[in-house]
Amino acid sequence: MKHLTISKLCGGLFILLIAGSLQAQEANIKTLPPVTVTSSANVTKKVANAFQSSFKNAVNPTWYRLDKDYLVKFITGDMNNQALYKRNGALVYQISYGHENNLPKEVRRLVKSNYIDFNIVQTINVQENNRNIWVINLEDNDKLIIARVEDGALEEVSNFDKNL
């Protein structure tokens, strides 16, 4: 009987020790603040006016609340776009997704002269903080290349073999 009581007491202490260590481990977990994206957000007048003045030809704008900011997805011509606005109407960035025909002539010339046998598959234009960056996806039979052009300078970002 004494042996059974000691076994139960030791088992209970063991469970308490495990539970205590689990609580200690949980206390060490650090989480990032949640980012909430809400569909069909109502935008402030400042944001709506800033968007209208910047993107007069925008089609099908869809607004999302992204924490304290506003994200809008829309179409201009044949390009998909997204732009992020602060509550005060300040544009944080704009990203446009397109094709070879959307490249400015000088950017297209620069890319095609350096990648003669490559096809331009997709173009992405990022505008942020007075920077205008073009990211170009290229491919030929053997390779996939990601290049970027900013201020007339061409840089190869990635180069992948298709056959691997």
N, C-alpha and C. Protein backbone atom coordinates (compact mmCIF):
# COMPACT_ATOMS: atom_id res chain seq x y z
N MET A 1 0.82 -1.18 0.00
CA MET A 1 0.00 0.00 0.00
C MET A 1 0.87 1.26 0.00
N LYS A 2 1.94 1.21 0.85
CA LYS A 2 2.85 2.34 0.93
C LYS A 2 3.53 2.56 -0.42
N HIS A 3 3.90 1.47 -1.10
CA HIS A 3 4.54 1.54 -2.42
C HIS A 3 3.59 2.17 -3.44
N LEU A 4 2.31 1.82 -3.42
CA LEU A 4 1.30 2.36 -4.33
C LEU A 4 1.10 3.85 -4.10
N THR A 5 1.09 4.30 -2.85
CA THR A 5 0.92 5.71 -2.53
C THR A 5 2.13 6.52 -3.00
N ILE A 6 3.32 5.98 -2.80
CA ILE A 6 4.53 6.68 -3.25
C ILE A 6 4.55 6.76 -4.78
N SER A 7 4.11 5.71 -5.47
CA SER A 7 4.06 5.71 -6.93
C SER A 7 3.09 6.78 -7.44
N LYS A 8 1.91 6.87 -6.78
CA LYS A 8 0.93 7.88 -7.18
C LYS A 8 1.45 9.28 -6.92
N LEU A 9 2.13 9.45 -5.77
CA LEU A 9 2.69 10.76 -5.42
C LEU A 9 3.78 11.16 -6.42
N CYS A 10 4.65 10.22 -6.76
CA CYS A 10 5.71 10.49 -7.75
C CYS A 10 5.11 10.78 -9.12
N GLY A 11 4.09 10.03 -9.51
CA GLY A 11 3.42 10.26 -10.80
C GLY A 11 2.78 11.64 -10.84
N GLY A 12 2.14 12.05 -9.73
CA GLY A 12 1.52 13.37 -9.67
C GLY A 12 2.56 14.48 -9.77
N LEU A 13 3.70 14.31 -9.06
CA LEU A 13 4.78 15.30 -9.13
C LEU A 13 5.36 15.37 -10.54
N PHE A 14 5.48 14.21 -11.17
CA PHE A 14 6.00 14.18 -12.54
C PHE A 14 5.09 14.96 -13.48
N ILE A 15 3.78 14.76 -13.35
CA ILE A 15 2.81 15.48 -14.19
C ILE A 15 2.89 16.97 -13.91
N LEU A 16 3.03 17.38 -12.66
CA LEU A 16 3.15 18.79 -12.32
C LEU A 16 4.42 19.40 -12.91
N LEU A 17 5.52 18.64 -12.87
CA LEU A 17 6.77 19.13 -13.46
C LEU A 17 6.64 19.32 -14.96
N ILE A 18 6.02 18.37 -15.65
CA ILE A 18 5.84 18.48 -17.09
C ILE A 18 4.93 19.67 -17.41
N ALA A 19 3.83 19.80 -16.68
CA ALA A 19 2.91 20.92 -16.92
C ALA A 19 3.62 22.25 -16.67
N GLY A 20 4.44 22.31 -15.63
CA GLY A 20 5.18 23.54 -15.34
C GLY A 20 6.18 23.87 -16.43
N SER A 21 6.84 22.85 -16.96
CA SER A 21 7.82 23.12 -18.02
C SER A 21 7.12 23.52 -19.31
N LEU A 22 5.95 22.97 -19.58
CA LEU A 22 5.20 23.38 -20.76
C LEU A 22 4.77 24.83 -20.65
N GLN A 23 4.34 25.24 -19.46
CA GLN A 23 3.95 26.64 -19.27
C GLN A 23 5.16 27.55 -19.44
N ALA A 24 6.32 27.12 -18.97
CA ALA A 24 7.53 27.92 -19.11
C ALA A 24 7.90 28.05 -20.59
N GLN A 25 7.72 26.96 -21.36
CA GLN A 25 8.02 27.01 -22.78
C GLN A 25 7.04 27.94 -23.50
N GLU A 26 5.76 27.88 -23.12
CA GLU A 26 4.77 28.74 -23.75
C GLU A 26 5.07 30.21 -23.47
N ALA A 27 5.61 30.51 -22.31
CA ALA A 27 5.90 31.89 -21.95
C ALA A 27 7.02 32.46 -22.82
N ASN A 28 7.88 31.58 -23.37
CA ASN A 28 9.00 32.03 -24.18
C ASN A 28 8.62 32.25 -25.64
N ILE A 29 7.41 31.91 -26.05
CA ILE A 29 6.99 32.07 -27.44
C ILE A 29 6.64 33.52 -27.67
N LYS A 30 7.28 34.10 -28.70
CA LYS A 30 6.99 35.49 -29.05
C LYS A 30 6.28 35.50 -30.39
N THR A 31 5.20 36.21 -30.46
CA THR A 31 4.44 36.27 -31.71
C THR A 31 4.48 37.69 -32.26
N LEU A 32 4.40 37.77 -33.57
CA LEU A 32 4.34 39.06 -34.23
C LEU A 32 2.91 39.57 -34.19
N PRO A 33 2.73 40.88 -34.25
CA PRO A 33 1.37 41.39 -34.26
C PRO A 33 0.66 40.94 -35.53
N PRO A 34 -0.63 40.66 -35.44
CA PRO A 34 -1.34 40.16 -36.61
C PRO A 34 -1.52 41.24 -37.66
N VAL A 35 -1.47 40.82 -38.92
CA VAL A 35 -1.77 41.71 -40.04
C VAL A 35 -3.15 41.32 -40.54
N THR A 36 -4.04 42.26 -40.58
CA THR A 36 -5.41 41.97 -40.96
C THR A 36 -5.70 42.57 -42.32
N VAL A 37 -6.12 41.72 -43.25
CA VAL A 37 -6.54 42.19 -44.56
C VAL A 37 -8.05 42.01 -44.64
N THR A 38 -8.75 43.09 -44.87
CA THR A 38 -10.20 43.04 -44.93
C THR A 38 -10.65 43.39 -46.34
N SER A 39 -11.49 42.58 -46.91
CA SER A 39 -11.96 42.81 -48.28
C SER A 39 -12.98 43.94 -48.32
N SER A 40 -13.05 44.59 -49.47
CA SER A 40 -14.03 45.64 -49.74
C SER A 40 -14.04 46.71 -48.66
N ALA A 41 -12.91 47.29 -48.39
CA ALA A 41 -12.79 48.31 -47.35
C ALA A 41 -13.35 49.64 -47.82
N ASN A 42 -13.94 50.39 -46.91
CA ASN A 42 -14.33 51.76 -47.19
C ASN A 42 -13.09 52.62 -46.99
N VAL A 43 -12.78 53.43 -47.98
CA VAL A 43 -11.56 54.23 -47.91
C VAL A 43 -11.89 55.66 -47.49
N THR A 44 -10.90 56.33 -46.94
CA THR A 44 -11.09 57.72 -46.56
C THR A 44 -11.19 58.59 -47.81
N LYS A 45 -11.73 59.77 -47.65
CA LYS A 45 -11.87 60.70 -48.77
C LYS A 45 -10.50 61.07 -49.34
N LYS A 46 -9.52 61.27 -48.47
CA LYS A 46 -8.16 61.60 -48.93
C LYS A 46 -7.59 60.49 -49.81
N VAL A 47 -7.78 59.25 -49.40
CA VAL A 47 -7.27 58.11 -50.16
C VAL A 47 -8.00 58.01 -51.50
N ALA A 48 -9.31 58.14 -51.48
CA ALA A 48 -10.09 58.04 -52.71
C ALA A 48 -9.68 59.14 -53.70
N ASN A 49 -9.51 60.36 -53.22
CA ASN A 49 -9.10 61.47 -54.09
C ASN A 49 -7.69 61.25 -54.66
N ALA A 50 -6.78 60.78 -53.81
CA ALA A 50 -5.41 60.52 -54.27
C ALA A 50 -5.40 59.45 -55.35
N PHE A 51 -6.18 58.41 -55.15
CA PHE A 51 -6.26 57.33 -56.14
C PHE A 51 -6.84 57.85 -57.45
N GLN A 52 -7.93 58.59 -57.38
CA GLN A 52 -8.57 59.12 -58.59
C GLN A 52 -7.64 60.03 -59.37
N SER A 53 -6.88 60.86 -58.67
CA SER A 53 -5.98 61.77 -59.38
C SER A 53 -4.76 61.05 -59.96
N SER A 54 -4.31 59.99 -59.34
CA SER A 54 -3.14 59.26 -59.83
C SER A 54 -3.48 58.25 -60.93
N PHE A 55 -4.65 57.66 -60.86
CA PHE A 55 -5.02 56.57 -61.77
C PHE A 55 -6.39 56.86 -62.40
N LYS A 56 -6.44 57.84 -63.27
CA LYS A 56 -7.69 58.27 -63.89
C LYS A 56 -8.34 57.17 -64.74
N ASN A 57 -7.52 56.31 -65.34
CA ASN A 57 -8.04 55.27 -66.23
C ASN A 57 -8.18 53.91 -65.55
N ALA A 58 -8.19 53.89 -64.23
CA ALA A 58 -8.28 52.62 -63.50
C ALA A 58 -9.65 51.97 -63.70
N VAL A 59 -9.62 50.66 -63.89
CA VAL A 59 -10.85 49.89 -64.07
C VAL A 59 -10.94 48.86 -62.95
N ASN A 60 -12.13 48.65 -62.46
CA ASN A 60 -12.43 47.64 -61.43
C ASN A 60 -11.56 47.75 -60.18
N PRO A 61 -11.47 48.93 -59.57
CA PRO A 61 -10.68 48.99 -58.34
C PRO A 61 -11.38 48.21 -57.21
N THR A 62 -10.59 47.41 -56.52
CA THR A 62 -11.08 46.67 -55.36
C THR A 62 -10.18 47.03 -54.19
N TRP A 63 -10.79 47.51 -53.12
CA TRP A 63 -10.03 48.01 -51.97
C TRP A 63 -9.97 46.98 -50.86
N TYR A 64 -8.84 46.97 -50.17
CA TYR A 64 -8.63 46.10 -49.02
C TYR A 64 -8.01 46.92 -47.91
N ARG A 65 -8.39 46.63 -46.70
CA ARG A 65 -7.76 47.28 -45.55
C ARG A 65 -6.59 46.42 -45.12
N LEU A 66 -5.42 47.01 -45.03
CA LEU A 66 -4.20 46.29 -44.64
C LEU A 66 -3.66 46.99 -43.42
N ASP A 67 -4.06 46.52 -42.24
CA ASP A 67 -3.81 47.20 -40.97
C ASP A 67 -4.31 48.63 -41.08
N LYS A 68 -3.45 49.63 -41.00
CA LYS A 68 -3.89 51.02 -41.04
C LYS A 68 -3.85 51.60 -42.45
N ASP A 69 -3.41 50.81 -43.43
CA ASP A 69 -3.25 51.29 -44.80
C ASP A 69 -4.35 50.70 -45.69
N TYR A 70 -4.38 51.19 -46.94
CA TYR A 70 -5.36 50.73 -47.91
C TYR A 70 -4.66 50.21 -49.15
N LEU A 71 -4.99 48.98 -49.53
CA LEU A 71 -4.45 48.35 -50.73
C LEU A 71 -5.55 48.32 -51.77
N VAL A 72 -5.23 48.76 -52.98
CA VAL A 72 -6.20 48.72 -54.07
C VAL A 72 -5.61 47.91 -55.21
N LYS A 73 -6.43 47.02 -55.78
CA LYS A 73 -6.06 46.25 -56.96
C LYS A 73 -6.96 46.72 -58.08
N PHE A 74 -6.36 46.95 -59.27
CA PHE A 74 -7.12 47.51 -60.38
C PHE A 74 -6.42 47.18 -61.69
N ILE A 75 -7.06 47.56 -62.79
CA ILE A 75 -6.52 47.31 -64.12
C ILE A 75 -6.37 48.65 -64.84
N THR A 76 -5.25 48.81 -65.53
CA THR A 76 -5.06 49.94 -66.44
C THR A 76 -4.57 49.37 -67.76
N GLY A 77 -5.29 49.66 -68.84
CA GLY A 77 -4.94 49.08 -70.13
C GLY A 77 -4.96 47.57 -70.04
N ASP A 78 -3.81 46.95 -70.33
CA ASP A 78 -3.72 45.49 -70.24
C ASP A 78 -2.84 45.05 -69.06
N MET A 79 -2.70 45.92 -68.06
CA MET A 79 -1.85 45.59 -66.91
C MET A 79 -2.66 45.49 -65.63
N ASN A 80 -2.35 44.47 -64.83
CA ASN A 80 -2.89 44.40 -63.48
C ASN A 80 -2.01 45.25 -62.58
N ASN A 81 -2.62 45.92 -61.61
CA ASN A 81 -1.90 46.83 -60.72
C ASN A 81 -2.33 46.63 -59.29
N GLN A 82 -1.47 47.04 -58.40
CA GLN A 82 -1.85 47.20 -57.01
C GLN A 82 -1.08 48.38 -56.46
N ALA A 83 -1.74 49.10 -55.56
CA ALA A 83 -1.12 50.27 -54.95
C ALA A 83 -1.48 50.29 -53.48
N LEU A 84 -0.55 50.77 -52.68
CA LEU A 84 -0.77 50.87 -51.24
C LEU A 84 -0.76 52.34 -50.84
N TYR A 85 -1.79 52.74 -50.10
CA TYR A 85 -1.94 54.12 -49.64
C TYR A 85 -1.98 54.18 -48.12
N LYS A 86 -1.38 55.23 -47.59
CA LYS A 86 -1.52 55.54 -46.17
C LYS A 86 -2.89 56.17 -45.95
N ARG A 87 -3.33 56.27 -44.70
CA ARG A 87 -4.63 56.87 -44.38
C ARG A 87 -4.74 58.32 -44.85
N ASN A 88 -3.61 59.01 -44.90
CA ASN A 88 -3.63 60.42 -45.29
C ASN A 88 -3.62 60.61 -46.81
N GLY A 89 -3.65 59.51 -47.57
CA GLY A 89 -3.68 59.59 -49.03
C GLY A 89 -2.32 59.50 -49.68
N ALA A 90 -1.26 59.36 -48.90
CA ALA A 90 0.09 59.25 -49.47
C ALA A 90 0.27 57.87 -50.10
N LEU A 91 0.76 57.85 -51.34
CA LEU A 91 1.03 56.61 -52.04
C LEU A 91 2.34 56.02 -51.53
N VAL A 92 2.29 54.78 -51.05
CA VAL A 92 3.48 54.09 -50.55
C VAL A 92 4.22 53.43 -51.72
N TYR A 93 3.49 52.66 -52.53
CA TYR A 93 4.08 52.03 -53.71
C TYR A 93 2.98 51.68 -54.70
N GLN A 94 3.41 51.43 -55.92
CA GLN A 94 2.54 50.91 -56.96
C GLN A 94 3.30 49.81 -57.68
N ILE A 95 2.63 48.69 -57.96
CA ILE A 95 3.22 47.59 -58.71
C ILE A 95 2.30 47.29 -59.89
N SER A 96 2.89 47.22 -61.10
CA SER A 96 2.14 46.90 -62.31
C SER A 96 2.72 45.62 -62.92
N TYR A 97 1.84 44.74 -63.35
CA TYR A 97 2.23 43.46 -63.94
C TYR A 97 1.84 43.45 -65.41
N GLY A 98 2.81 43.22 -66.30
CA GLY A 98 2.50 43.27 -67.72
C GLY A 98 3.38 42.36 -68.55
N HIS A 99 3.56 42.77 -69.81
CA HIS A 99 4.30 41.98 -70.79
C HIS A 99 5.31 42.86 -71.51
N GLU A 100 5.96 42.29 -72.50
CA GLU A 100 7.01 43.01 -73.24
C GLU A 100 6.51 44.33 -73.80
N ASN A 101 5.29 44.35 -74.32
CA ASN A 101 4.77 45.58 -74.92
C ASN A 101 4.55 46.70 -73.90
N ASN A 102 4.60 46.40 -72.61
CA ASN A 102 4.43 47.41 -71.57
C ASN A 102 5.74 48.09 -71.18
N LEU A 103 6.86 47.54 -71.63
CA LEU A 103 8.16 48.13 -71.30
C LEU A 103 8.36 49.44 -72.04
N PRO A 104 8.96 50.43 -71.40
CA PRO A 104 9.38 51.62 -72.13
C PRO A 104 10.41 51.20 -73.19
N LYS A 105 10.45 51.90 -74.31
CA LYS A 105 11.33 51.53 -75.44
C LYS A 105 12.78 51.40 -75.03
N GLU A 106 13.29 52.34 -74.22
CA GLU A 106 14.71 52.28 -73.84
C GLU A 106 15.02 51.09 -72.94
N VAL A 107 14.07 50.70 -72.09
CA VAL A 107 14.27 49.53 -71.22
C VAL A 107 14.23 48.27 -72.08
N ARG A 108 13.28 48.19 -72.99
CA ARG A 108 13.18 47.03 -73.87
C ARG A 108 14.44 46.88 -74.71
N ARG A 109 14.93 47.98 -75.28
CA ARG A 109 16.15 47.95 -76.10
C ARG A 109 17.34 47.44 -75.28
N LEU A 110 17.47 47.94 -74.06
CA LEU A 110 18.59 47.54 -73.19
C LEU A 110 18.53 46.04 -72.90
N VAL A 111 17.35 45.55 -72.55
CA VAL A 111 17.21 44.13 -72.22
C VAL A 111 17.43 43.25 -73.45
N LYS A 112 16.80 43.59 -74.56
CA LYS A 112 16.92 42.77 -75.77
C LYS A 112 18.35 42.77 -76.34
N SER A 113 19.09 43.87 -76.16
CA SER A 113 20.47 43.90 -76.66
C SER A 113 21.40 43.05 -75.80
N ASN A 114 21.05 42.81 -74.57
CA ASN A 114 21.88 41.97 -73.69
C ASN A 114 21.42 40.52 -73.66
N TYR A 115 20.17 40.28 -73.98
CA TYR A 115 19.60 38.92 -73.97
C TYR A 115 18.94 38.68 -75.33
N ILE A 116 19.77 38.58 -76.36
CA ILE A 116 19.33 38.55 -77.76
C ILE A 116 18.39 37.37 -78.04
N ASP A 117 18.74 36.19 -77.60
CA ASP A 117 17.95 35.00 -77.93
C ASP A 117 16.89 34.67 -76.89
N PHE A 118 16.59 35.58 -76.00
CA PHE A 118 15.62 35.34 -74.94
C PHE A 118 14.29 36.02 -75.25
N ASN A 119 13.22 35.39 -74.82
CA ASN A 119 11.88 35.98 -74.90
C ASN A 119 11.56 36.65 -73.57
N ILE A 120 10.94 37.81 -73.64
CA ILE A 120 10.47 38.49 -72.43
C ILE A 120 9.10 37.90 -72.12
N VAL A 121 9.01 37.23 -70.97
CA VAL A 121 7.80 36.51 -70.60
C VAL A 121 6.86 37.39 -69.78
N GLN A 122 7.41 38.13 -68.85
CA GLN A 122 6.60 38.96 -67.97
C GLN A 122 7.42 40.16 -67.53
N THR A 123 6.73 41.27 -67.29
CA THR A 123 7.38 42.47 -66.76
C THR A 123 6.64 42.93 -65.52
N ILE A 124 7.38 43.46 -64.58
CA ILE A 124 6.80 44.00 -63.36
C ILE A 124 7.46 45.35 -63.13
N ASN A 125 6.64 46.35 -62.93
CA ASN A 125 7.14 47.70 -62.68
C ASN A 125 6.81 48.08 -61.24
N VAL A 126 7.84 48.41 -60.47
CA VAL A 126 7.66 48.81 -59.07
C VAL A 126 8.05 50.28 -58.96
N GLN A 127 7.13 51.07 -58.43
CA GLN A 127 7.39 52.48 -58.20
C GLN A 127 7.21 52.77 -56.72
N GLU A 128 8.32 53.21 -56.10
CA GLU A 128 8.31 53.48 -54.67
C GLU A 128 9.40 54.50 -54.35
N ASN A 129 9.07 55.46 -53.51
CA ASN A 129 10.04 56.48 -53.07
C ASN A 129 10.84 57.07 -54.23
N ASN A 130 10.15 57.52 -55.25
CA ASN A 130 10.79 58.13 -56.44
C ASN A 130 11.72 57.17 -57.18
N ARG A 131 11.55 55.89 -56.98
CA ARG A 131 12.31 54.88 -57.71
C ARG A 131 11.38 54.21 -58.72
N ASN A 132 11.90 53.92 -59.89
CA ASN A 132 11.14 53.25 -60.94
C ASN A 132 11.95 52.03 -61.37
N ILE A 133 11.53 50.86 -60.94
CA ILE A 133 12.28 49.63 -61.15
C ILE A 133 11.46 48.70 -62.03
N TRP A 134 12.10 48.19 -63.08
CA TRP A 134 11.48 47.17 -63.92
C TRP A 134 12.13 45.83 -63.62
N VAL A 135 11.32 44.82 -63.36
CA VAL A 135 11.79 43.45 -63.17
C VAL A 135 11.28 42.67 -64.38
N ILE A 136 12.19 42.01 -65.07
CA ILE A 136 11.85 41.35 -66.33
C ILE A 136 12.18 39.87 -66.23
N ASN A 137 11.19 39.03 -66.54
CA ASN A 137 11.40 37.58 -66.58
C ASN A 137 11.64 37.19 -68.04
N LEU A 138 12.78 36.52 -68.27
CA LEU A 138 13.19 36.12 -69.62
C LEU A 138 13.38 34.61 -69.66
N GLU A 139 13.22 34.05 -70.86
CA GLU A 139 13.51 32.62 -71.02
C GLU A 139 13.93 32.31 -72.44
N ASP A 140 14.73 31.25 -72.55
CA ASP A 140 15.03 30.64 -73.84
C ASP A 140 14.81 29.15 -73.65
N ASN A 141 15.36 28.33 -74.52
CA ASN A 141 15.13 26.89 -74.41
C ASN A 141 15.75 26.27 -73.17
N ASP A 142 16.84 26.88 -72.67
CA ASP A 142 17.58 26.26 -71.58
C ASP A 142 17.54 27.01 -70.25
N LYS A 143 17.26 28.31 -70.30
CA LYS A 143 17.42 29.13 -69.10
C LYS A 143 16.21 30.01 -68.82
N LEU A 144 16.04 30.30 -67.53
CA LEU A 144 15.11 31.32 -67.05
C LEU A 144 15.96 32.38 -66.36
N ILE A 145 15.73 33.64 -66.69
CA ILE A 145 16.53 34.72 -66.12
C ILE A 145 15.59 35.79 -65.58
N ILE A 146 15.95 36.31 -64.43
CA ILE A 146 15.25 37.47 -63.87
C ILE A 146 16.25 38.62 -63.87
N ALA A 147 15.88 39.69 -64.56
CA ALA A 147 16.74 40.87 -64.65
C ALA A 147 15.96 42.07 -64.11
N ARG A 148 16.71 43.10 -63.71
CA ARG A 148 16.06 44.32 -63.26
C ARG A 148 16.77 45.51 -63.89
N VAL A 149 15.97 46.54 -64.14
CA VAL A 149 16.50 47.76 -64.72
C VAL A 149 16.04 48.92 -63.86
N GLU A 150 17.02 49.71 -63.41
CA GLU A 150 16.74 50.92 -62.65
C GLU A 150 17.73 51.99 -63.09
N ASP A 151 17.22 53.15 -63.40
CA ASP A 151 18.05 54.28 -63.83
C ASP A 151 18.98 53.91 -64.99
N GLY A 152 18.48 53.12 -65.92
CA GLY A 152 19.28 52.76 -67.09
C GLY A 152 20.31 51.68 -66.86
N ALA A 153 20.38 51.15 -65.64
CA ALA A 153 21.36 50.09 -65.34
C ALA A 153 20.66 48.73 -65.30
N LEU A 154 21.19 47.79 -66.06
CA LEU A 154 20.67 46.44 -66.14
C LEU A 154 21.45 45.54 -65.19
N GLU A 155 20.72 44.76 -64.40
CA GLU A 155 21.34 43.82 -63.46
C GLU A 155 20.64 42.47 -63.57
N GLU A 156 21.43 41.41 -63.67
CA GLU A 156 20.86 40.07 -63.66
C GLU A 156 20.69 39.63 -62.22
N VAL A 157 19.46 39.36 -61.84
CA VAL A 157 19.16 39.01 -60.45
C VAL A 157 19.28 37.51 -60.23
N SER A 158 18.72 36.72 -61.16
CA SER A 158 18.75 35.26 -61.04
C SER A 158 18.90 34.63 -62.41
N ASN A 159 19.51 33.43 -62.41
CA ASN A 159 19.74 32.69 -63.64
C ASN A 159 19.53 31.22 -63.31
N PHE A 160 18.52 30.60 -63.94
CA PHE A 160 18.18 29.21 -63.63
C PHE A 160 18.29 28.35 -64.87
N ASP A 161 18.78 27.12 -64.71
CA ASP A 161 18.76 26.14 -65.79
C ASP A 161 17.41 25.45 -65.78
N LYS A 162 16.76 25.37 -66.91
CA LYS A 162 15.46 24.71 -67.02
C LYS A 162 15.59 23.19 -66.90
N ASN A 163 16.73 22.67 -67.27
CA ASN A 163 16.91 21.22 -67.34
C ASN A 163 17.26 20.57 -66.01
N LEU A 164 17.32 21.30 -64.95
CA LEU A 164 17.66 20.70 -63.66
C LEU A 164 16.46 20.22 -62.93
